[in-house]
Amino acid sequence: MVDDTLLDDVGGLLRKAAEQIVVPLFRRLDDHEITEKAPGDVVTVADQRAEEMISEELLRLRPGSVVVGEEAVAADPALLAHLRATGDVWLVDPVDGTANFASGQRPFALMVALLTEGEPAASWILDPLADNLAVGRAGAGVRLDGRTVDTAGRVPPLDELRGASMSHYLPPPMRSRATAGGRRLGEVLPGQHCAGREYLDVLAGTQHFVLFWRTFPWDHVPGALLVREAGGVVRRFDGTDYHPAVDDHGLLVAANEQIWDAVHAALLAD
């Protein structure tokens, strides 16, 4: 069971990790504190230390649960099997947007999701510099900075839709379609290199959609639950609902059903 106390406790934990570890290291990292865990994929001591703190506290909040953290998975990919397991599993992205963070740029975010019996049950996204915190639980809605969010009724005309498309990651034929189709929309942004911020912007109404290609679970499980609870849609390009246990590329996030259909037709239809 996820109650308001747990929502507050985990939100407070993310703020604590941000205040004590992440933000103090922003623009203060030494060269040796930034490394590559894979070619082109950087990690910093802030990621590692924040994940350690968050993981320890989550296990204290839910004894007997399991934590699957992005940095722990980098060291042991077998941990991803827990996403299909029974019981309570925490998914942690200690610094989403690490490349931004490492280069002294914003945005970046801290994200957590709780899965119960393999299904997302609650999630949290914190942008510490903007002081935006989104929290929600399955079937009970979502709050952004303490206010209930409902995106279901916002349906601007096609030429007023604004969103981001990570089209540079798409396969060439799909990239060409998406680039051409984007001219039918109001504004297509290149993306902020921080999935957590993209999801927050959909909740806030400053973006109506986001198109992703890479779909690591720590990047998308937290935001997917929040957007859905606000009335939005998170689906694969073929129209199937996003689920963390399915490892595949391509995801279109939209503030509601009508916007998803319109953007899908513009960017992805043959």
C-alpha atoms as a PDB file:
ATOM      1  CA  MET A   1       0.000   0.000   0.000  1.00  0.00           C
ATOM      2  CA  VAL A   2       1.182   3.506  -0.855  1.00  0.00           C
ATOM      3  CA  ASP A   3      -0.164   6.240   1.408  1.00  0.00           C
ATOM      4  CA  ASP A   4       0.439   9.970   1.718  1.00  0.00           C
ATOM      5  CA  THR A   5       3.083   9.380   4.372  1.00  0.00           C
ATOM      6  CA  LEU A   6       5.206   7.349   1.962  1.00  0.00           C
ATOM      7  CA  LEU A   7       4.714   9.931  -0.784  1.00  0.00           C
ATOM      8  CA  ASP A   8       5.944  12.642   1.580  1.00  0.00           C
ATOM      9  CA  ASP A   9       8.801  10.531   2.944  1.00  0.00           C
ATOM     10  CA  VAL A  10      10.261   9.719  -0.457  1.00  0.00           C
ATOM     11  CA  GLY A  11       9.776  13.285  -1.682  1.00  0.00           C
ATOM     12  CA  GLY A  12      11.654  14.459   1.387  1.00  0.00           C
ATOM     13  CA  LEU A  13      14.368  11.894   0.747  1.00  0.00           C
ATOM     14  CA  LEU A  14      14.939  13.208  -2.778  1.00  0.00           C
ATOM     15  CA  ARG A  15      15.162  16.752  -1.464  1.00  0.00           C
ATOM     16  CA  LYS A  16      17.669  15.593   1.163  1.00  0.00           C
ATOM     17  CA  ALA A  17      19.844  13.831  -1.420  1.00  0.00           C
ATOM     18  CA  ALA A  18      19.702  16.893  -3.652  1.00  0.00           C
ATOM     19  CA  GLU A  19      20.557  19.311  -0.837  1.00  0.00           C
ATOM     20  CA  GLN A  20      23.298  17.234   0.766  1.00  0.00           C
ATOM     21  CA  ILE A  21      24.964  15.599  -2.234  1.00  0.00           C
ATOM     22  CA  VAL A  22      23.847  16.575  -5.723  1.00  0.00           C
ATOM     23  CA  VAL A  23      23.490  20.367  -5.702  1.00  0.00           C
ATOM     24  CA  PRO A  24      26.680  21.000  -3.653  1.00  0.00           C
ATOM     25  CA  LEU A  25      28.639  19.133  -6.346  1.00  0.00           C
ATOM     26  CA  PHE A  26      27.034  20.968  -9.268  1.00  0.00           C
ATOM     27  CA  ARG A  27      29.753  22.899 -11.132  1.00  0.00           C
ATOM     28  CA  ARG A  28      32.236  21.819  -8.458  1.00  0.00           C
ATOM     29  CA  LEU A  29      33.306  18.426  -9.795  1.00  0.00           C
ATOM     30  CA  ASP A  30      36.988  17.689 -10.269  1.00  0.00           C
ATOM     31  CA  ASP A  31      38.019  15.923 -13.462  1.00  0.00           C
ATOM     32  CA  HIS A  32      38.642  12.641 -11.648  1.00  0.00           C
ATOM     33  CA  GLU A  33      35.064  12.745 -10.306  1.00  0.00           C
ATOM     34  CA  ILE A  34      33.647  12.350 -13.825  1.00  0.00           C
ATOM     35  CA  THR A  35      34.215   9.013 -15.564  1.00  0.00           C
ATOM     36  CA  GLU A  36      32.698   6.899 -18.337  1.00  0.00           C
ATOM     37  CA  LYS A  37      30.823   3.714 -17.471  1.00  0.00           C
ATOM     38  CA  ALA A  38      30.497   3.086 -21.224  1.00  0.00           C
ATOM     39  CA  PRO A  39      31.765   5.032 -24.243  1.00  0.00           C
ATOM     40  CA  GLY A  40      29.984   8.387 -24.219  1.00  0.00           C
ATOM     41  CA  ASP A  41      28.000   7.539 -21.065  1.00  0.00           C
ATOM     42  CA  VAL A  42      29.329   9.553 -18.146  1.00  0.00           C
ATOM     43  CA  VAL A  43      28.845   9.025 -14.432  1.00  0.00           C
ATOM     44  CA  THR A  44      29.873  11.274 -11.561  1.00  0.00           C
ATOM     45  CA  VAL A  45      30.473  10.873  -7.863  1.00  0.00           C
ATOM     46  CA  ALA A  46      27.170  12.692  -7.350  1.00  0.00           C
ATOM     47  CA  ASP A  47      25.311   9.866  -9.127  1.00  0.00           C
ATOM     48  CA  GLN A  48      27.083   7.240  -7.068  1.00  0.00           C
ATOM     49  CA  ARG A  49      26.779   8.915  -3.686  1.00  0.00           C
ATOM     50  CA  ALA A  50      23.153   9.954  -4.198  1.00  0.00           C
ATOM     51  CA  GLU A  51      22.177   6.446  -5.293  1.00  0.00           C
ATOM     52  CA  GLU A  52      23.810   4.983  -2.194  1.00  0.00           C
ATOM     53  CA  MET A  53      21.967   7.371   0.129  1.00  0.00           C
ATOM     54  CA  ILE A  54      18.606   7.020  -1.601  1.00  0.00           C
ATOM     55  CA  SER A  55      18.862   3.224  -1.774  1.00  0.00           C
ATOM     56  CA  GLU A  56      19.674   2.880   1.927  1.00  0.00           C
ATOM     57  CA  GLU A  57      16.746   5.070   2.946  1.00  0.00           C
ATOM     58  CA  LEU A  58      14.270   3.357   0.601  1.00  0.00           C
ATOM     59  CA  LEU A  59      15.154  -0.025   2.076  1.00  0.00           C
ATOM     60  CA  ARG A  60      14.563   1.426   5.514  1.00  0.00           C
ATOM     61  CA  LEU A  61      11.162   2.744   4.456  1.00  0.00           C
ATOM     62  CA  ARG A  62      10.159  -0.614   2.940  1.00  0.00           C
ATOM     63  CA  PRO A  63      12.026  -3.470   4.665  1.00  0.00           C
ATOM     64  CA  GLY A  64      12.256  -6.503   2.405  1.00  0.00           C
ATOM     65  CA  SER A  65      12.049  -4.450  -0.766  1.00  0.00           C
ATOM     66  CA  VAL A  66      14.662  -4.410  -3.542  1.00  0.00           C
ATOM     67  CA  VAL A  67      16.388  -1.409  -5.115  1.00  0.00           C
ATOM     68  CA  VAL A  68      17.302  -1.308  -8.792  1.00  0.00           C
ATOM     69  CA  GLY A  69      19.481   1.763  -9.312  1.00  0.00           C
ATOM     70  CA  GLU A  70      20.876   2.988 -12.604  1.00  0.00           C
ATOM     71  CA  GLU A  71      24.461   2.881 -11.370  1.00  0.00           C
ATOM     72  CA  ALA A  72      24.042  -0.513  -9.727  1.00  0.00           C
ATOM     73  CA  VAL A  73      22.683  -1.875 -13.013  1.00  0.00           C
ATOM     74  CA  ALA A  74      25.735  -0.515 -14.831  1.00  0.00           C
ATOM     75  CA  ALA A  75      27.826  -2.759 -12.584  1.00  0.00           C
ATOM     76  CA  ASP A  76      25.415  -5.709 -12.623  1.00  0.00           C
ATOM     77  CA  PRO A  77      22.848  -5.764 -15.473  1.00  0.00           C
ATOM     78  CA  ALA A  78      21.230  -8.881 -13.970  1.00  0.00           C
ATOM     79  CA  LEU A  79      19.540  -6.577 -11.453  1.00  0.00           C
ATOM     80  CA  LEU A  80      17.037  -5.616 -14.158  1.00  0.00           C
ATOM     81  CA  ALA A  81      15.378  -9.005 -13.686  1.00  0.00           C
ATOM     82  CA  HIS A  82      13.886  -7.634 -10.465  1.00  0.00           C
ATOM     83  CA  LEU A  83      11.576  -5.423 -12.548  1.00  0.00           C
ATOM     84  CA  ARG A  84       9.617  -8.585 -13.354  1.00  0.00           C
ATOM     85  CA  ALA A  85       9.716  -9.890  -9.787  1.00  0.00           C
ATOM     86  CA  THR A  86       7.006 -10.014  -7.140  1.00  0.00           C
ATOM     87  CA  GLY A  87       7.045  -7.817  -4.079  1.00  0.00           C
ATOM     88  CA  ASP A  88       8.195  -4.201  -3.839  1.00  0.00           C
ATOM     89  CA  VAL A  89      10.950  -2.971  -6.133  1.00  0.00           C
ATOM     90  CA  TRP A  90      12.348   0.554  -6.126  1.00  0.00           C
ATOM     91  CA  LEU A  91      13.715   1.997  -9.364  1.00  0.00           C
ATOM     92  CA  VAL A  92      16.197   4.840  -8.825  1.00  0.00           C
ATOM     93  CA  ASP A  93      17.758   7.394 -11.160  1.00  0.00           C
ATOM     94  CA  PRO A  94      19.942   9.408  -8.776  1.00  0.00           C
ATOM     95  CA  VAL A  95      20.873  12.107 -11.321  1.00  0.00           C
ATOM     96  CA  ASP A  96      18.853  12.090 -14.511  1.00  0.00           C
ATOM     97  CA  GLY A  97      20.618  14.236 -17.071  1.00  0.00           C
ATOM     98  CA  THR A  98      24.115  13.326 -15.899  1.00  0.00           C
ATOM     99  CA  ALA A  99      25.731  14.701 -19.061  1.00  0.00           C
ATOM    100  CA  ASN A 100      24.167  18.090 -18.325  1.00  0.00           C
ATOM    101  CA  PHE A 101      25.202  17.887 -14.687  1.00  0.00           C
ATOM    102  CA  ALA A 102      28.783  16.889 -15.488  1.00  0.00           C
ATOM    103  CA  SER A 103      29.183  19.766 -17.923  1.00  0.00           C
ATOM    104  CA  GLY A 104      27.714  22.302 -15.500  1.00  0.00           C
ATOM    105  CA  GLN A 105      24.470  22.652 -17.430  1.00  0.00           C
ATOM    106  CA  ARG A 106      20.846  22.325 -16.370  1.00  0.00           C
ATOM    107  CA  PRO A 107      18.373  20.667 -16.227  1.00  0.00           C
ATOM    108  CA  PHE A 108      18.893  17.524 -14.202  1.00  0.00           C
ATOM    109  CA  ALA A 109      16.561  15.636 -11.905  1.00  0.00           C
ATOM    110  CA  LEU A 110      16.307  12.934  -9.245  1.00  0.00           C
ATOM    111  CA  MET A 111      13.736  10.197  -9.868  1.00  0.00           C
ATOM    112  CA  VAL A 112      12.285   7.217  -8.032  1.00  0.00           C
ATOM    113  CA  ALA A 113       9.478   4.780  -8.823  1.00  0.00           C
ATOM    114  CA  LEU A 114       7.983   1.992  -6.734  1.00  0.00           C
ATOM    115  CA  LEU A 115       6.813  -1.165  -8.483  1.00  0.00           C
ATOM    116  CA  THR A 116       4.592  -3.644  -6.662  1.00  0.00           C
ATOM    117  CA  GLU A 117       4.122  -7.078  -8.201  1.00  0.00           C
ATOM    118  CA  GLY A 118       5.764  -5.748 -11.354  1.00  0.00           C
ATOM    119  CA  GLU A 119       3.399  -2.790 -11.796  1.00  0.00           C
ATOM    120  CA  PRO A 120       4.224   0.880 -11.158  1.00  0.00           C
ATOM    121  CA  ALA A 121       2.580   1.925  -7.902  1.00  0.00           C
ATOM    122  CA  ALA A 122       4.063   5.360  -7.168  1.00  0.00           C
ATOM    123  CA  SER A 123       6.681   7.749  -8.464  1.00  0.00           C
ATOM    124  CA  TRP A 124       8.556  10.930  -7.742  1.00  0.00           C
ATOM    125  CA  ILE A 125      10.517  13.437  -9.884  1.00  0.00           C
ATOM    126  CA  LEU A 126      12.482  16.347  -8.402  1.00  0.00           C
ATOM    127  CA  ASP A 127      14.175  19.116 -10.362  1.00  0.00           C
ATOM    128  CA  PRO A 128      16.167  20.631  -7.489  1.00  0.00           C
ATOM    129  CA  LEU A 129      17.288  23.815  -9.237  1.00  0.00           C
ATOM    130  CA  ALA A 130      13.783  24.712 -10.427  1.00  0.00           C
ATOM    131  CA  ASP A 131      12.363  23.430  -7.115  1.00  0.00           C
ATOM    132  CA  ASN A 132       9.739  21.329  -8.912  1.00  0.00           C
ATOM    133  CA  LEU A 133       8.541  18.117  -7.267  1.00  0.00           C
ATOM    134  CA  ALA A 134       5.964  15.809  -8.858  1.00  0.00           C
ATOM    135  CA  VAL A 135       4.530  12.919  -6.852  1.00  0.00           C
ATOM    136  CA  GLY A 136       1.791  10.442  -7.590  1.00  0.00           C
ATOM    137  CA  ARG A 137       0.437   6.992  -6.941  1.00  0.00           C
ATOM    138  CA  ALA A 138      -1.469   4.642  -9.201  1.00  0.00           C
ATOM    139  CA  GLY A 139      -5.175   5.399  -9.238  1.00  0.00           C
ATOM    140  CA  ALA A 140      -4.898   8.492  -7.046  1.00  0.00           C
ATOM    141  CA  GLY A 141      -3.699  11.269  -9.350  1.00  0.00           C
ATOM    142  CA  VAL A 142      -0.577  13.387  -9.359  1.00  0.00           C
ATOM    143  CA  ARG A 143       0.561  16.589  -7.669  1.00  0.00           C
ATOM    144  CA  LEU A 144       3.114  19.026  -9.038  1.00  0.00           C
ATOM    145  CA  ASP A 145       4.463  21.350  -6.363  1.00  0.00           C
ATOM    146  CA  GLY A 146       1.483  20.461  -4.202  1.00  0.00           C
ATOM    147  CA  ARG A 147      -1.162  21.167  -6.847  1.00  0.00           C
ATOM    148  CA  THR A 148      -3.280  18.496  -8.539  1.00  0.00           C
ATOM    149  CA  VAL A 149      -2.542  18.199 -12.246  1.00  0.00           C
ATOM    150  CA  ASP A 150      -5.080  17.378 -14.965  1.00  0.00           C
ATOM    151  CA  THR A 151      -3.846  17.472 -18.564  1.00  0.00           C
ATOM    152  CA  ALA A 152      -6.842  15.708 -20.126  1.00  0.00           C
ATOM    153  CA  GLY A 153      -8.632  18.842 -21.293  1.00  0.00           C
ATOM    154  CA  ARG A 154      -5.794  20.682 -23.012  1.00  0.00           C
ATOM    155  CA  VAL A 155      -6.136  20.134 -26.783  1.00  0.00           C
ATOM    156  CA  PRO A 156      -4.583  22.991 -28.796  1.00  0.00           C
ATOM    157  CA  PRO A 157      -4.792  23.025 -32.607  1.00  0.00           C
ATOM    158  CA  LEU A 158      -2.131  21.030 -34.432  1.00  0.00           C
ATOM    159  CA  ASP A 159      -0.151  24.117 -35.384  1.00  0.00           C
ATOM    160  CA  GLU A 160       0.019  25.196 -31.729  1.00  0.00           C
ATOM    161  CA  LEU A 161       1.314  21.930 -30.314  1.00  0.00           C
ATOM    162  CA  ARG A 162       4.721  22.287 -28.674  1.00  0.00           C
ATOM    163  CA  GLY A 163       6.987  19.456 -27.653  1.00  0.00           C
ATOM    164  CA  ALA A 164      10.339  17.734 -27.933  1.00  0.00           C
ATOM    165  CA  SER A 165      11.527  15.068 -30.345  1.00  0.00           C
ATOM    166  CA  MET A 166      14.768  13.171 -29.829  1.00  0.00           C
ATOM    167  CA  SER A 167      14.775  12.506 -33.574  1.00  0.00           C
ATOM    168  CA  HIS A 168      18.585  12.382 -33.817  1.00  0.00           C
ATOM    169  CA  TYR A 169      18.412   8.933 -32.170  1.00  0.00           C
ATOM    170  CA  LEU A 170      15.808   7.576 -34.600  1.00  0.00           C
ATOM    171  CA  PRO A 171      16.699   5.204 -37.457  1.00  0.00           C
ATOM    172  CA  PRO A 172      17.268   7.268 -40.649  1.00  0.00           C
ATOM    173  CA  PRO A 173      13.941   6.578 -42.460  1.00  0.00           C
ATOM    174  CA  MET A 174      11.946   7.268 -39.288  1.00  0.00           C
ATOM    175  CA  ARG A 175      14.052  10.353 -38.604  1.00  0.00           C
ATOM    176  CA  SER A 176      13.224  11.755 -42.016  1.00  0.00           C
ATOM    177  CA  ARG A 177       9.480  11.237 -41.468  1.00  0.00           C
ATOM    178  CA  ALA A 178       9.599  12.806 -38.026  1.00  0.00           C
ATOM    179  CA  THR A 179      11.562  15.817 -39.259  1.00  0.00           C
ATOM    180  CA  ALA A 180       9.178  16.420 -42.155  1.00  0.00           C
ATOM    181  CA  GLY A 181       6.097  15.853 -40.006  1.00  0.00           C
ATOM    182  CA  GLY A 182       7.342  18.237 -37.368  1.00  0.00           C
ATOM    183  CA  ARG A 183       6.715  21.125 -39.745  1.00  0.00           C
ATOM    184  CA  ARG A 184       2.984  20.555 -39.231  1.00  0.00           C
ATOM    185  CA  LEU A 185       3.300  21.191 -35.511  1.00  0.00           C
ATOM    186  CA  GLY A 186       3.717  24.468 -33.686  1.00  0.00           C
ATOM    187  CA  GLU A 187       7.203  23.897 -32.286  1.00  0.00           C
ATOM    188  CA  VAL A 188       9.425  20.833 -32.107  1.00  0.00           C
ATOM    189  CA  LEU A 189      12.313  21.163 -29.691  1.00  0.00           C
ATOM    190  CA  PRO A 190      15.499  19.048 -29.787  1.00  0.00           C
ATOM    191  CA  GLY A 191      15.170  17.838 -26.185  1.00  0.00           C
ATOM    192  CA  GLN A 192      16.817  18.812 -22.927  1.00  0.00           C
ATOM    193  CA  HIS A 193      18.916  15.656 -22.336  1.00  0.00           C
ATOM    194  CA  CYS A 194      16.912  15.055 -19.163  1.00  0.00           C
ATOM    195  CA  ALA A 195      13.851  12.822 -19.369  1.00  0.00           C
ATOM    196  CA  GLY A 196      12.694  13.884 -15.923  1.00  0.00           C
ATOM    197  CA  ARG A 197      12.493  17.525 -16.985  1.00  0.00           C
ATOM    198  CA  GLU A 198      10.609  16.577 -20.159  1.00  0.00           C
ATOM    199  CA  TYR A 199       7.975  14.753 -18.102  1.00  0.00           C
ATOM    200  CA  LEU A 200       7.704  17.663 -15.669  1.00  0.00           C
ATOM    201  CA  ASP A 201       7.151  20.041 -18.582  1.00  0.00           C
ATOM    202  CA  VAL A 202       4.294  17.893 -19.903  1.00  0.00           C
ATOM    203  CA  LEU A 203       2.721  17.986 -16.446  1.00  0.00           C
ATOM    204  CA  ALA A 204       3.243  21.744 -16.221  1.00  0.00           C
ATOM    205  CA  GLY A 205       1.715  22.329 -19.665  1.00  0.00           C
ATOM    206  CA  THR A 206       4.785  23.980 -21.155  1.00  0.00           C
ATOM    207  CA  GLN A 207       5.099  20.988 -23.517  1.00  0.00           C
ATOM    208  CA  HIS A 208       2.312  18.906 -24.996  1.00  0.00           C
ATOM    209  CA  PHE A 209       4.364  15.891 -26.100  1.00  0.00           C
ATOM    210  CA  VAL A 210       7.779  14.228 -26.067  1.00  0.00           C
ATOM    211  CA  LEU A 211       9.134  11.639 -28.492  1.00  0.00           C
ATOM    212  CA  PHE A 212      11.895   9.378 -27.163  1.00  0.00           C
ATOM    213  CA  TRP A 213      13.897   6.617 -28.812  1.00  0.00           C
ATOM    214  CA  ARG A 214      15.932   5.242 -25.923  1.00  0.00           C
ATOM    215  CA  THR A 215      13.713   3.957 -23.109  1.00  0.00           C
ATOM    216  CA  PHE A 216      15.779   2.842 -20.125  1.00  0.00           C
ATOM    217  CA  PRO A 217      13.350   2.068 -17.294  1.00  0.00           C
ATOM    218  CA  TRP A 218      14.896   4.502 -14.789  1.00  0.00           C
ATOM    219  CA  ASP A 219      14.361   7.289 -17.321  1.00  0.00           C
ATOM    220  CA  HIS A 220      10.703   6.550 -18.011  1.00  0.00           C
ATOM    221  CA  VAL A 221       8.896   4.515 -15.355  1.00  0.00           C
ATOM    222  CA  PRO A 222       8.640   7.480 -12.929  1.00  0.00           C
ATOM    223  CA  GLY A 223       7.418   9.956 -15.536  1.00  0.00           C
ATOM    224  CA  ALA A 224       5.093   7.504 -17.259  1.00  0.00           C
ATOM    225  CA  LEU A 225       3.079   6.908 -14.095  1.00  0.00           C
ATOM    226  CA  LEU A 226       2.840  10.631 -13.351  1.00  0.00           C
ATOM    227  CA  VAL A 227       1.737  11.600 -16.862  1.00  0.00           C
ATOM    228  CA  ARG A 228      -0.859   8.831 -16.975  1.00  0.00           C
ATOM    229  CA  GLU A 229      -2.237   9.834 -13.581  1.00  0.00           C
ATOM    230  CA  ALA A 230      -2.621  13.395 -14.884  1.00  0.00           C
ATOM    231  CA  GLY A 231      -4.671  12.187 -17.852  1.00  0.00           C
ATOM    232  CA  GLY A 232      -1.857  11.694 -20.339  1.00  0.00           C
ATOM    233  CA  VAL A 233      -0.778   8.851 -22.600  1.00  0.00           C
ATOM    234  CA  VAL A 234       2.565   7.001 -22.756  1.00  0.00           C
ATOM    235  CA  ARG A 235       2.791   4.487 -25.588  1.00  0.00           C
ATOM    236  CA  ARG A 236       5.200   2.760 -27.888  1.00  0.00           C
ATOM    237  CA  PHE A 237       5.187   3.854 -31.512  1.00  0.00           C
ATOM    238  CA  ASP A 238       2.898   0.919 -32.406  1.00  0.00           C
ATOM    239  CA  GLY A 239       0.254   2.160 -29.974  1.00  0.00           C
ATOM    240  CA  THR A 240       0.852  -0.347 -27.179  1.00  0.00           C
ATOM    241  CA  ASP A 241       1.032   1.018 -23.643  1.00  0.00           C
ATOM    242  CA  TYR A 242       4.483   1.433 -22.158  1.00  0.00           C
ATOM    243  CA  HIS A 243       5.455  -1.150 -19.542  1.00  0.00           C
ATOM    244  CA  PRO A 244       8.817  -1.356 -17.760  1.00  0.00           C
ATOM    245  CA  ALA A 245       9.141  -5.107 -18.319  1.00  0.00           C
ATOM    246  CA  VAL A 246       9.141  -4.677 -22.108  1.00  0.00           C
ATOM    247  CA  ASP A 247      12.584  -3.759 -23.431  1.00  0.00           C
ATOM    248  CA  ASP A 248      12.104  -1.934 -26.719  1.00  0.00           C
ATOM    249  CA  HIS A 249      12.869   1.359 -28.423  1.00  0.00           C
ATOM    250  CA  GLY A 250      10.538   4.238 -29.095  1.00  0.00           C
ATOM    251  CA  LEU A 251       8.085   6.076 -26.855  1.00  0.00           C
ATOM    252  CA  LEU A 252       5.622   8.875 -27.470  1.00  0.00           C
ATOM    253  CA  VAL A 253       4.379  10.773 -24.430  1.00  0.00           C
ATOM    254  CA  ALA A 254       1.447  13.169 -24.716  1.00  0.00           C
ATOM    255  CA  ALA A 255      -0.690  15.228 -22.381  1.00  0.00           C
ATOM    256  CA  ASN A 256      -3.833  13.384 -23.477  1.00  0.00           C
ATOM    257  CA  GLU A 257      -5.276  10.926 -25.992  1.00  0.00           C
ATOM    258  CA  GLN A 258      -6.178  13.492 -28.642  1.00  0.00           C
ATOM    259  CA  ILE A 259      -2.715  15.039 -28.615  1.00  0.00           C
ATOM    260  CA  TRP A 260      -1.070  11.602 -28.782  1.00  0.00           C
ATOM    261  CA  ASP A 261      -3.116  10.719 -31.864  1.00  0.00           C
ATOM    262  CA  ALA A 262      -2.355  14.035 -33.575  1.00  0.00           C
ATOM    263  CA  VAL A 263       1.386  13.954 -32.892  1.00  0.00           C
ATOM    264  CA  HIS A 264       1.659  10.277 -33.822  1.00  0.00           C
ATOM    265  CA  ALA A 265      -0.021  10.991 -37.161  1.00  0.00           C
ATOM    266  CA  ALA A 266       2.273  13.956 -37.799  1.00  0.00           C
ATOM    267  CA  LEU A 267       5.600  12.426 -36.787  1.00  0.00           C
ATOM    268  CA  LEU A 268       5.295   8.667 -37.185  1.00  0.00           C
ATOM    269  CA  ALA A 269       2.557   7.738 -39.653  1.00  0.00           C
ATOM    270  CA  ASP A 270       3.743   6.168 -42.914  1.00  0.00           C
END
